[in-house]
């Protein structure tokens, strides 16, 4: 096995182990996002698929603008969806950094 293949294997193993630790938080954030997105979809009379699409586009802070909430209450909920998306993205990035630290720390030894 090449050196880079071994490092990748160690990275993915460490990433998976760290992901298992934070999985309850990650899944909770996803459930909150989807629940809020369904509320927005119901209030705006969007189909469930479009509400889920809106949730992930907003949560990942992409915001294409093809679906825009019209009611003030749903706009506030959209801000919360965006904030939880930032938390979700940051948590996944932190897991990746921690796995990389574990991999490079193992490399230095």
PDB file of N, CA and C in Angstrom:
ATOM      1  N   UNK A   1       0.846  -1.169   0.000  1.00  0.00           N
ATOM      2  CA  UNK A   1       0.000   0.000   0.000  1.00  0.00           C
ATOM      3  C   UNK A   1       0.898   1.241   0.000  1.00  0.00           C
ATOM      4  N   UNK A   2       0.540   2.207  -0.827  1.00  0.00           N
ATOM      5  CA  UNK A   2       1.345   3.421  -0.892  1.00  0.00           C
ATOM      6  C   UNK A   2       1.141   4.266   0.359  1.00  0.00           C
ATOM      7  N   UNK A   3       2.069   5.159   0.561  1.00  0.00           N
ATOM      8  CA  UNK A   3       2.021   6.026   1.747  1.00  0.00           C
ATOM      9  C   UNK A   3       0.768   6.906   1.763  1.00  0.00           C
ATOM     10  N   UNK A   4       0.424   7.482   0.616  1.00  0.00           N
ATOM     11  CA  UNK A   4      -0.757   8.343   0.567  1.00  0.00           C
ATOM     12  C   UNK A   4      -2.043   7.544   0.773  1.00  0.00           C
ATOM     13  N   UNK A   5      -2.092   6.332   0.264  1.00  0.00           N
ATOM     14  CA  UNK A   5      -3.273   5.496   0.477  1.00  0.00           C
ATOM     15  C   UNK A   5      -3.428   5.138   1.954  1.00  0.00           C
ATOM     16  N   UNK A   6      -2.313   4.897   2.612  1.00  0.00           N
ATOM     17  CA  UNK A   6      -2.357   4.586   4.045  1.00  0.00           C
ATOM     18  C   UNK A   6      -2.820   5.806   4.851  1.00  0.00           C
ATOM     19  N   UNK A   7      -2.334   6.981   4.493  1.00  0.00           N
ATOM     20  CA  UNK A   7      -2.769   8.202   5.178  1.00  0.00           C
ATOM     21  C   UNK A   7      -4.258   8.449   4.977  1.00  0.00           C
ATOM     22  N   UNK A   8      -4.747   8.236   3.754  1.00  0.00           N
ATOM     23  CA  UNK A   8      -6.186   8.401   3.502  1.00  0.00           C
ATOM     24  C   UNK A   8      -6.993   7.421   4.333  1.00  0.00           C
ATOM     25  N   UNK A   9      -6.521   6.196   4.414  1.00  0.00           N
ATOM     26  CA  UNK A   9      -7.227   5.180   5.207  1.00  0.00           C
ATOM     27  C   UNK A   9      -7.285   5.591   6.666  1.00  0.00           C
ATOM     28  N   UNK A  10      -6.185   6.093   7.198  1.00  0.00           N
ATOM     29  CA  UNK A  10      -6.160   6.553   8.589  1.00  0.00           C
ATOM     30  C   UNK A  10      -7.080   7.758   8.785  1.00  0.00           C
ATOM     31  N   UNK A  11      -7.075   8.664   7.803  1.00  0.00           N
ATOM     32  CA  UNK A  11      -7.936   9.848   7.903  1.00  0.00           C
ATOM     33  C   UNK A  11      -9.400   9.439   7.954  1.00  0.00           C
ATOM     34  N   UNK A  12      -9.836   8.597   7.029  1.00  0.00           N
ATOM     35  CA  UNK A  12     -11.248   8.204   6.987  1.00  0.00           C
ATOM     36  C   UNK A  12     -11.649   7.401   8.222  1.00  0.00           C
ATOM     37  N   UNK A  13     -10.732   6.610   8.741  1.00  0.00           N
ATOM     38  CA  UNK A  13     -11.013   5.878   9.974  1.00  0.00           C
ATOM     39  C   UNK A  13     -11.200   6.856  11.135  1.00  0.00           C
ATOM     40  N   UNK A  14     -10.301   7.844  11.249  1.00  0.00           N
ATOM     41  CA  UNK A  14     -10.410   8.851  12.316  1.00  0.00           C
ATOM     42  C   UNK A  14     -11.662   9.707  12.116  1.00  0.00           C
ATOM     43  N   UNK A  15     -11.974  10.055  10.864  1.00  0.00           N
ATOM     44  CA  UNK A  15     -13.171  10.851  10.574  1.00  0.00           C
ATOM     45  C   UNK A  15     -14.422  10.114  11.016  1.00  0.00           C
ATOM     46  N   UNK A  16     -14.499   8.832  10.701  1.00  0.00           N
ATOM     47  CA  UNK A  16     -15.658   8.025  11.084  1.00  0.00           C
ATOM     48  C   UNK A  16     -15.780   7.930  12.605  1.00  0.00           C
ATOM     49  N   UNK A  17     -14.679   7.720  13.292  1.00  0.00           N
ATOM     50  CA  UNK A  17     -14.711   7.633  14.752  1.00  0.00           C
ATOM     51  C   UNK A  17     -15.180   8.943  15.380  1.00  0.00           C
ATOM     52  N   UNK A  18     -14.690  10.061  14.874  1.00  0.00           N
ATOM     53  CA  UNK A  18     -15.116  11.365  15.392  1.00  0.00           C
ATOM     54  C   UNK A  18     -16.574  11.640  15.052  1.00  0.00           C
ATOM     55  N   UNK A  19     -16.997  11.210  13.872  1.00  0.00           N
ATOM     56  CA  UNK A  19     -18.385  11.397  13.464  1.00  0.00           C
ATOM     57  C   UNK A  19     -19.333  10.635  14.379  1.00  0.00           C
ATOM     58  N   UNK A  20     -18.930   9.454  14.809  1.00  0.00           N
ATOM     59  CA  UNK A  20     -19.758   8.680  15.734  1.00  0.00           C
ATOM     60  C   UNK A  20     -19.934   9.401  17.069  1.00  0.00           C
ATOM     61  N   UNK A  21     -18.935  10.162  17.471  1.00  0.00           N
ATOM     62  CA  UNK A  21     -19.012  10.895  18.737  1.00  0.00           C
ATOM     63  C   UNK A  21     -20.028  12.031  18.645  1.00  0.00           C
ATOM     64  N   UNK A  22     -20.015  12.769  17.539  1.00  0.00           N
ATOM     65  CA  UNK A  22     -20.888  13.935  17.409  1.00  0.00           C
ATOM     66  C   UNK A  22     -22.198  13.634  16.685  1.00  0.00           C
ATOM     67  N   UNK A  23     -22.424  12.365  16.338  1.00  0.00           N
ATOM     68  CA  UNK A  23     -23.623  12.013  15.581  1.00  0.00           C
ATOM     69  C   UNK A  23     -24.927  12.461  16.248  1.00  0.00           C
ATOM     70  N   UNK A  24     -25.096  12.336  17.563  1.00  0.00           N
ATOM     71  CA  UNK A  24     -26.350  12.815  18.160  1.00  0.00           C
ATOM     72  C   UNK A  24     -26.586  14.313  17.923  1.00  0.00           C
ATOM     73  N   UNK A  25     -25.539  15.090  17.962  1.00  0.00           N
ATOM     74  CA  UNK A  25     -25.676  16.533  17.730  1.00  0.00           C
ATOM     75  C   UNK A  25     -25.987  16.798  16.254  1.00  0.00           C
ATOM     76  N   UNK A  26     -25.254  16.133  15.369  1.00  0.00           N
ATOM     77  CA  UNK A  26     -25.495  16.314  13.936  1.00  0.00           C
ATOM     78  C   UNK A  26     -26.918  15.925  13.551  1.00  0.00           C
ATOM     79  N   UNK A  27     -27.358  14.778  14.021  1.00  0.00           N
ATOM     80  CA  UNK A  27     -28.707  14.327  13.668  1.00  0.00           C
ATOM     81  C   UNK A  27     -29.761  15.249  14.276  1.00  0.00           C
ATOM     82  N   UNK A  28     -29.509  15.751  15.478  1.00  0.00           N
ATOM     83  CA  UNK A  28     -30.440  16.700  16.086  1.00  0.00           C
ATOM     84  C   UNK A  28     -30.561  17.979  15.274  1.00  0.00           C
ATOM     85  N   UNK A  29     -29.437  18.499  14.801  1.00  0.00           N
ATOM     86  CA  UNK A  29     -29.468  19.712  13.973  1.00  0.00           C
ATOM     87  C   UNK A  29     -30.215  19.469  12.663  1.00  0.00           C
ATOM     88  N   UNK A  30     -30.014  18.306  12.073  1.00  0.00           N
ATOM     89  CA  UNK A  30     -30.707  17.981  10.822  1.00  0.00           C
ATOM     90  C   UNK A  30     -32.209  17.873  11.048  1.00  0.00           C
ATOM     91  N   UNK A  31     -32.605  17.231  12.143  1.00  0.00           N
ATOM     92  CA  UNK A  31     -34.028  17.101  12.462  1.00  0.00           C
ATOM     93  C   UNK A  31     -34.655  18.469  12.712  1.00  0.00           C
ATOM     94  N   UNK A  32     -33.952  19.334  13.447  1.00  0.00           N
ATOM     95  CA  UNK A  32     -34.458  20.690  13.699  1.00  0.00           C
ATOM     96  C   UNK A  32     -34.606  21.441  12.383  1.00  0.00           C
ATOM     97  N   UNK A  33     -33.605  21.348  11.527  1.00  0.00           N
ATOM     98  CA  UNK A  33     -33.674  22.033  10.230  1.00  0.00           C
ATOM     99  C   UNK A  33     -34.872  21.553   9.416  1.00  0.00           C
ATOM    100  N   UNK A  34     -35.015  20.243   9.307  1.00  0.00           N
ATOM    101  CA  UNK A  34     -36.126  19.712   8.508  1.00  0.00           C
ATOM    102  C   UNK A  34     -37.476  20.065   9.117  1.00  0.00           C
ATOM    103  N   UNK A  35     -37.578  20.005  10.434  1.00  0.00           N
ATOM    104  CA  UNK A  35     -38.829  20.370  11.087  1.00  0.00           C
ATOM    105  C   UNK A  35     -39.199  21.819  10.821  1.00  0.00           C
ATOM    106  N   UNK A  36     -38.227  22.713  10.966  1.00  0.00           N
ATOM    107  CA  UNK A  36     -38.484  24.124  10.683  1.00  0.00           C
ATOM    108  C   UNK A  36     -38.791  24.349   9.209  1.00  0.00           C
ATOM    109  N   UNK A  37     -38.102  23.619   8.351  1.00  0.00           N
ATOM    110  CA  UNK A  37     -38.364  23.734   6.918  1.00  0.00           C
ATOM    111  C   UNK A  37     -39.762  23.290   6.544  1.00  0.00           C
ATOM    112  N   UNK A  38     -40.246  22.246   7.204  1.00  0.00           N
ATOM    113  CA  UNK A  38     -41.610  21.792   6.948  1.00  0.00           C
ATOM    114  C   UNK A  38     -42.627  22.832   7.442  1.00  0.00           C
ATOM    115  N   UNK A  39     -42.315  23.493   8.565  1.00  0.00           N
ATOM    116  CA  UNK A  39     -43.183  24.583   9.034  1.00  0.00           C
ATOM    117  C   UNK A  39     -43.260  25.702   8.006  1.00  0.00           C
ATOM    118  N   UNK A  40     -42.112  26.070   7.467  1.00  0.00           N
ATOM    119  CA  UNK A  40     -42.076  27.103   6.431  1.00  0.00           C
ATOM    120  C   UNK A  40     -42.887  26.637   5.226  1.00  0.00           C
ATOM    121  N   UNK A  41     -42.688  25.386   4.824  1.00  0.00           N
ATOM    122  CA  UNK A  41     -43.407  24.850   3.670  1.00  0.00           C
ATOM    123  C   UNK A  41     -44.914  24.837   3.867  1.00  0.00           C
ATOM    124  N   UNK A  42     -45.354  24.477   5.068  1.00  0.00           N
ATOM    125  CA  UNK A  42     -46.795  24.475   5.345  1.00  0.00           C
ATOM    126  C   UNK A  42     -47.373  25.885   5.305  1.00  0.00           C
ATOM    127  N   UNK A  43     -46.677  26.812   5.929  1.00  0.00           N
ATOM    128  CA  UNK A  43     -47.158  28.202   5.994  1.00  0.00           C
ATOM    129  C   UNK A  43     -47.154  28.858   4.616  1.00  0.00           C
ATOM    130  N   UNK A  44     -46.177  28.505   3.801  1.00  0.00           N
ATOM    131  CA  UNK A  44     -46.076  29.093   2.461  1.00  0.00           C
ATOM    132  C   UNK A  44     -46.813  28.283   1.402  1.00  0.00           C
ATOM    133  N   UNK A  45     -47.408  27.151   1.806  1.00  0.00           N
ATOM    134  CA  UNK A  45     -48.151  26.258   0.901  1.00  0.00           C
ATOM    135  C   UNK A  45     -47.259  25.693  -0.203  1.00  0.00           C
ATOM    136  N   UNK A  46     -46.045  25.286   0.192  1.00  0.00           N
ATOM    137  CA  UNK A  46     -45.123  24.638  -0.733  1.00  0.00           C
ATOM    138  C   UNK A  46     -45.260  23.123  -0.589  1.00  0.00           C
ATOM    139  N   UNK A  47     -45.018  22.372  -1.664  1.00  0.00           N
ATOM    140  CA  UNK A  47     -44.970  20.904  -1.527  1.00  0.00           C
ATOM    141  C   UNK A  47     -43.814  20.496  -0.603  1.00  0.00           C
ATOM    142  N   UNK A  48     -43.920  19.314  -0.014  1.00  0.00           N
ATOM    143  CA  UNK A  48     -42.907  18.851   0.935  1.00  0.00           C
ATOM    144  C   UNK A  48     -41.514  18.798   0.316  1.00  0.00           C
ATOM    145  N   UNK A  49     -41.417  18.372  -0.932  1.00  0.00           N
ATOM    146  CA  UNK A  49     -40.125  18.303  -1.605  1.00  0.00           C
ATOM    147  C   UNK A  49     -39.477  19.674  -1.741  1.00  0.00           C
ATOM    148  N   UNK A  50     -40.291  20.655  -2.085  1.00  0.00           N
ATOM    149  CA  UNK A  50     -39.759  22.011  -2.205  1.00  0.00           C
ATOM    150  C   UNK A  50     -39.364  22.572  -0.848  1.00  0.00           C
ATOM    151  N   UNK A  51     -40.125  22.214   0.194  1.00  0.00           N
ATOM    152  CA  UNK A  51     -39.783  22.674   1.544  1.00  0.00           C
ATOM    153  C   UNK A  51     -38.452  22.070   1.993  1.00  0.00           C
ATOM    154  N   UNK A  52     -38.238  20.783   1.701  1.00  0.00           N
ATOM    155  CA  UNK A  52     -36.966  20.135   2.059  1.00  0.00           C
ATOM    156  C   UNK A  52     -35.816  20.753   1.257  1.00  0.00           C
ATOM    157  N   UNK A  53     -36.057  20.999  -0.019  1.00  0.00           N
ATOM    158  CA  UNK A  53     -35.054  21.648  -0.870  1.00  0.00           C
ATOM    159  C   UNK A  53     -34.706  23.022  -0.310  1.00  0.00           C
ATOM    160  N   UNK A  54     -35.721  23.813   0.025  1.00  0.00           N
ATOM    161  CA  UNK A  54     -35.504  25.136   0.600  1.00  0.00           C
ATOM    162  C   UNK A  54     -34.696  25.048   1.885  1.00  0.00           C
ATOM    163  N   UNK A  55     -35.006  24.050   2.707  1.00  0.00           N
ATOM    164  CA  UNK A  55     -34.315  23.887   3.982  1.00  0.00           C
ATOM    165  C   UNK A  55     -32.822  23.672   3.774  1.00  0.00           C
ATOM    166  N   UNK A  56     -32.453  22.768   2.888  1.00  0.00           N
ATOM    167  CA  UNK A  56     -31.039  22.473   2.698  1.00  0.00           C
ATOM    168  C   UNK A  56     -30.309  23.580   1.949  1.00  0.00           C
ATOM    169  N   UNK A  57     -30.972  24.226   1.004  1.00  0.00           N
ATOM    170  CA  UNK A  57     -30.345  25.349   0.302  1.00  0.00           C
ATOM    171  C   UNK A  57     -30.118  26.509   1.273  1.00  0.00           C
ATOM    172  N   UNK A  58     -31.073  26.738   2.156  1.00  0.00           N
ATOM    173  CA  UNK A  58     -30.933  27.796   3.149  1.00  0.00           C
ATOM    174  C   UNK A  58     -29.927  27.394   4.224  1.00  0.00           C
ATOM    175  N   UNK A  59     -30.014  26.143   4.687  1.00  0.00           N
ATOM    176  CA  UNK A  59     -29.123  25.667   5.738  1.00  0.00           C
ATOM    177  C   UNK A  59     -27.669  25.632   5.322  1.00  0.00           C
ATOM    178  N   UNK A  60     -27.418  25.367   4.068  1.00  0.00           N
ATOM    179  CA  UNK A  60     -26.042  25.373   3.572  1.00  0.00           C
ATOM    180  C   UNK A  60     -25.612  26.773   3.145  1.00  0.00           C
ATOM    181  N   UNK A  61     -26.463  27.745   3.408  1.00  0.00           N
ATOM    182  CA  UNK A  61     -26.249  29.169   3.102  1.00  0.00           C
ATOM    183  C   UNK A  61     -25.968  29.419   1.623  1.00  0.00           C
ATOM    184  N   UNK A  62     -26.558  28.591   0.770  1.00  0.00           N
ATOM    185  CA  UNK A  62     -26.431  28.802  -0.675  1.00  0.00           C
ATOM    186  C   UNK A  62     -27.437  29.861  -1.106  1.00  0.00           C
ATOM    187  N   UNK A  63     -28.697  29.658  -0.758  1.00  0.00           N
ATOM    188  CA  UNK A  63     -29.746  30.637  -1.010  1.00  0.00           C
ATOM    189  C   UNK A  63     -29.899  31.036  -2.456  1.00  0.00           C
ATOM    190  N   UNK A  64     -30.377  30.131  -3.297  1.00  0.00           N
ATOM    191  CA  UNK A  64     -30.544  30.444  -4.716  1.00  0.00           C
ATOM    192  C   UNK A  64     -31.579  31.545  -4.956  1.00  0.00           C
ATOM    193  N   UNK A  65     -32.577  31.639  -4.095  1.00  0.00           N
ATOM    194  CA  UNK A  65     -33.597  32.664  -4.256  1.00  0.00           C
ATOM    195  C   UNK A  65     -34.771  32.241  -5.110  1.00  0.00           C
ATOM    196  N   UNK A  66     -34.803  30.971  -5.524  1.00  0.00           N
ATOM    197  CA  UNK A  66     -35.937  30.516  -6.316  1.00  0.00           C
ATOM    198  C   UNK A  66     -37.168  30.272  -5.441  1.00  0.00           C
ATOM    199  N   UNK A  67     -36.975  29.981  -4.173  1.00  0.00           N
ATOM    200  CA  UNK A  67     -38.069  29.893  -3.206  1.00  0.00           C
ATOM    201  C   UNK A  67     -37.812  30.934  -2.124  1.00  0.00           C
ATOM    202  N   UNK A  68     -38.745  31.852  -1.965  1.00  0.00           N
ATOM    203  CA  UNK A  68     -38.573  32.939  -1.005  1.00  0.00           C
ATOM    204  C   UNK A  68     -39.805  33.003  -0.109  1.00  0.00           C
ATOM    205  N   UNK A  69     -39.621  32.891   1.199  1.00  0.00           N
ATOM    206  CA  UNK A  69     -40.770  33.021   2.101  1.00  0.00           C
ATOM    207  C   UNK A  69     -41.359  34.431   2.038  1.00  0.00           C
ATOM    208  N   UNK A  70     -42.672  34.493   2.033  1.00  0.00           N
ATOM    209  CA  UNK A  70     -43.341  35.793   1.935  1.00  0.00           C
ATOM    210  C   UNK A  70     -43.792  36.322   3.294  1.00  0.00           C
ATOM    211  N   UNK A  71     -44.064  35.429   4.230  1.00  0.00           N
ATOM    212  CA  UNK A  71     -44.565  35.842   5.544  1.00  0.00           C
ATOM    213  C   UNK A  71     -43.398  36.186   6.470  1.00  0.00           C
ATOM    214  N   UNK A  72     -43.641  37.149   7.349  1.00  0.00           N
ATOM    215  CA  UNK A  72     -42.608  37.566   8.285  1.00  0.00           C
ATOM    216  C   UNK A  72     -42.186  36.407   9.188  1.00  0.00           C
ATOM    217  N   UNK A  73     -43.147  35.623   9.657  1.00  0.00           N
ATOM    218  CA  UNK A  73     -42.828  34.513  10.560  1.00  0.00           C
ATOM    219  C   UNK A  73     -41.947  33.464   9.879  1.00  0.00           C
ATOM    220  N   UNK A  74     -42.227  33.190   8.619  1.00  0.00           N
ATOM    221  CA  UNK A  74     -41.419  32.187   7.915  1.00  0.00           C
ATOM    222  C   UNK A  74     -40.038  32.730   7.566  1.00  0.00           C
ATOM    223  N   UNK A  75     -39.932  34.017   7.416  1.00  0.00           N
ATOM    224  CA  UNK A  75     -38.610  34.620   7.202  1.00  0.00           C
ATOM    225  C   UNK A  75     -37.756  34.504   8.460  1.00  0.00           C
ATOM    226  N   UNK A  76     -38.377  34.688   9.616  1.00  0.00           N
ATOM    227  CA  UNK A  76     -37.648  34.510  10.878  1.00  0.00           C
ATOM    228  C   UNK A  76     -37.211  33.054  11.056  1.00  0.00           C
ATOM    229  N   UNK A  77     -38.100  32.138  10.721  1.00  0.00           N
ATOM    230  CA  UNK A  77     -37.750  30.719  10.812  1.00  0.00           C
ATOM    231  C   UNK A  77     -36.594  30.406   9.861  1.00  0.00           C
ATOM    232  N   UNK A  78     -36.589  31.049   8.697  1.00  0.00           N
ATOM    233  CA  UNK A  78     -35.507  30.836   7.733  1.00  0.00           C
ATOM    234  C   UNK A  78     -34.164  31.282   8.283  1.00  0.00           C
ATOM    235  N   UNK A  79     -34.157  32.327   9.081  1.00  0.00           N
ATOM    236  CA  UNK A  79     -32.921  32.779   9.716  1.00  0.00           C
ATOM    237  C   UNK A  79     -32.418  31.707  10.678  1.00  0.00           C
ATOM    238  N   UNK A  80     -33.330  31.092  11.423  1.00  0.00           N
ATOM    239  CA  UNK A  80     -32.952  30.019  12.347  1.00  0.00           C
ATOM    240  C   UNK A  80     -32.427  28.815  11.573  1.00  0.00           C
ATOM    241  N   UNK A  81     -33.059  28.499  10.444  1.00  0.00           N
ATOM    242  CA  UNK A  81     -32.571  27.401   9.597  1.00  0.00           C
ATOM    243  C   UNK A  81     -31.148  27.701   9.130  1.00  0.00           C
ATOM    244  N   UNK A  82     -30.902  28.925   8.706  1.00  0.00           N
ATOM    245  CA  UNK A  82     -29.558  29.303   8.271  1.00  0.00           C
ATOM    246  C   UNK A  82     -28.546  29.201   9.390  1.00  0.00           C
ATOM    247  N   UNK A  83     -28.923  29.625  10.594  1.00  0.00           N
ATOM    248  CA  UNK A  83     -28.017  29.544  11.732  1.00  0.00           C
ATOM    249  C   UNK A  83     -27.698  28.091  12.090  1.00  0.00           C
ATOM    250  N   UNK A  84     -28.714  27.219  12.094  1.00  0.00           N
ATOM    251  CA  UNK A  84     -28.440  25.807  12.391  1.00  0.00           C
ATOM    252  C   UNK A  84     -27.597  25.182  11.284  1.00  0.00           C
ATOM    253  N   UNK A  85     -27.765  25.658  10.058  1.00  0.00           N
ATOM    254  CA  UNK A  85     -26.922  25.171   8.962  1.00  0.00           C
ATOM    255  C   UNK A  85     -25.466  25.550   9.148  1.00  0.00           C
ATOM    256  N   UNK A  86     -25.232  26.757   9.659  1.00  0.00           N
ATOM    257  CA  UNK A  86     -23.863  27.178   9.951  1.00  0.00           C
ATOM    258  C   UNK A  86     -23.269  26.292  11.043  1.00  0.00           C
ATOM    259  N   UNK A  87     -24.062  26.001  12.070  1.00  0.00           N
ATOM    260  CA  UNK A  87     -23.591  25.109  13.134  1.00  0.00           C
ATOM    261  C   UNK A  87     -23.274  23.715  12.581  1.00  0.00           C
ATOM    262  N   UNK A  88     -24.147  23.211  11.732  1.00  0.00           N
ATOM    263  CA  UNK A  88     -23.957  21.885  11.141  1.00  0.00           C
ATOM    264  C   UNK A  88     -22.693  21.835  10.290  1.00  0.00           C
ATOM    265  N   UNK A  89     -22.514  22.831   9.443  1.00  0.00           N
ATOM    266  CA  UNK A  89     -21.332  22.891   8.588  1.00  0.00           C
ATOM    267  C   UNK A  89     -20.066  23.019   9.420  1.00  0.00           C
ATOM    268  N   UNK A  90     -20.111  23.862  10.438  1.00  0.00           N
ATOM    269  CA  UNK A  90     -18.950  24.040  11.313  1.00  0.00           C
ATOM    270  C   UNK A  90     -18.594  22.775  12.061  1.00  0.00           C
ATOM    271  N   UNK A  91     -19.604  22.039  12.486  1.00  0.00           N
ATOM    272  CA  UNK A  91     -19.356  20.794  13.212  1.00  0.00           C
ATOM    273  C   UNK A  91     -18.714  19.748  12.307  1.00  0.00           C
ATOM    274  N   UNK A  92     -19.193  19.638  11.091  1.00  0.00           N
ATOM    275  CA  UNK A  92     -18.595  18.687  10.140  1.00  0.00           C
ATOM    276  C   UNK A  92     -17.160  19.098   9.818  1.00  0.00           C
ATOM    277  N   UNK A  93     -16.926  20.391   9.656  1.00  0.00           N
ATOM    278  CA  UNK A  93     -15.562  20.871   9.403  1.00  0.00           C
ATOM    279  C   UNK A  93     -14.658  20.575  10.598  1.00  0.00           C
ATOM    280  N   UNK A  94     -15.170  20.755  11.813  1.00  0.00           N
ATOM    281  CA  UNK A  94     -14.380  20.468  13.012  1.00  0.00           C
ATOM    282  C   UNK A  94     -14.031  18.991  13.107  1.00  0.00           C
ATOM    283  N   UNK A  95     -14.956  18.136  12.734  1.00  0.00           N
ATOM    284  CA  UNK A  95     -14.685  16.692  12.725  1.00  0.00           C
ATOM    285  C   UNK A  95     -13.585  16.379  11.723  1.00  0.00           C
ATOM    286  N   UNK A  96     -13.651  17.019  10.551  1.00  0.00           N
ATOM    287  CA  UNK A  96     -12.611  16.812   9.543  1.00  0.00           C
ATOM    288  C   UNK A  96     -11.245  17.288  10.011  1.00  0.00           C
ATOM    289  N   UNK A  97     -11.202  18.434  10.672  1.00  0.00           N
ATOM    290  CA  UNK A  97      -9.938  18.955  11.195  1.00  0.00           C
ATOM    291  C   UNK A  97      -9.388  18.027  12.263  1.00  0.00           C
ATOM    292  N   UNK A  98     -10.254  17.561  13.139  1.00  0.00           N
ATOM    293  CA  UNK A  98      -9.813  16.653  14.213  1.00  0.00           C
ATOM    294  C   UNK A  98      -9.269  15.348  13.615  1.00  0.00           C
ATOM    295  N   UNK A  99      -9.927  14.835  12.598  1.00  0.00           N
ATOM    296  CA  UNK A  99      -9.447  13.613  11.944  1.00  0.00           C
ATOM    297  C   UNK A  99      -8.102  13.865  11.269  1.00  0.00           C
ATOM    298  N   UNK A 100      -7.939  15.026  10.668  1.00  0.00           N
ATOM    299  CA  UNK A 100      -6.669  15.368  10.038  1.00  0.00           C
ATOM    300  C   UNK A 100      -5.570  15.494  11.081  1.00  0.00           C
ATOM    301  N   UNK A 101      -5.885  16.099  12.219  1.00  0.00           N
ATOM    302  CA  UNK A 101      -4.905  16.202  13.309  1.00  0.00           C
ATOM    303  C   UNK A 101      -4.492  14.809  13.806  1.00  0.00           C
ATOM    304  N   UNK A 102      -5.471  13.947  13.926  1.00  0.00           N
ATOM    305  CA  UNK A 102      -5.170  12.572  14.368  1.00  0.00           C
ATOM    306  C   UNK A 102      -4.305  11.865  13.351  1.00  0.00           C
ATOM    307  N   UNK A 103      -4.583  12.059  12.082  1.00  0.00           N
ATOM    308  CA  UNK A 103      -3.816  11.418  11.019  1.00  0.00           C
ATOM    309  C   UNK A 103      -2.386  11.963  10.978  1.00  0.00           C
ATOM    310  N   UNK A 104      -2.239  13.269  11.015  1.00  0.00           N
ATOM    311  CA  UNK A 104      -0.883  13.844  10.946  1.00  0.00           C
ATOM    312  C   UNK A 104      -0.125  13.629  12.238  1.00  0.00           C
ATOM    313  N   UNK A 105      -0.820  13.547  13.357  1.00  0.00           N
ATOM    314  CA  UNK A 105      -0.156  13.233  14.620  1.00  0.00           C
ATOM    315  C   UNK A 105       0.384  11.822  14.603  1.00  0.00           C
ATOM    316  N   UNK A 106      -0.374  10.920  14.018  1.00  0.00           N
ATOM    317  CA  UNK A 106       0.070   9.532  13.877  1.00  0.00           C
ATOM    318  C   UNK A 106       1.259   9.481  12.929  1.00  0.00           C
ATOM    319  N   UNK A 107       1.243  10.346  11.914  1.00  0.00           N
ATOM    320  CA  UNK A 107       2.335  10.413  10.936  1.00  0.00           C
ATOM    321  C   UNK A 107       3.627  10.870  11.616  1.00  0.00           C
ATOM    322  N   UNK A 108       3.524  11.844  12.530  1.00  0.00           N
ATOM    323  CA  UNK A 108       4.720  12.406  13.170  1.00  0.00           C
ATOM    324  C   UNK A 108       5.377  11.423  14.127  1.00  0.00           C
ATOM    325  N   UNK A 109       4.611  10.493  14.649  1.00  0.00           N
ATOM    326  CA  UNK A 109       5.167   9.536  15.629  1.00  0.00           C
ATOM    327  C   UNK A 109       6.071   8.529  15.033  1.00  0.00           C
TER     328      UNK A 109
END
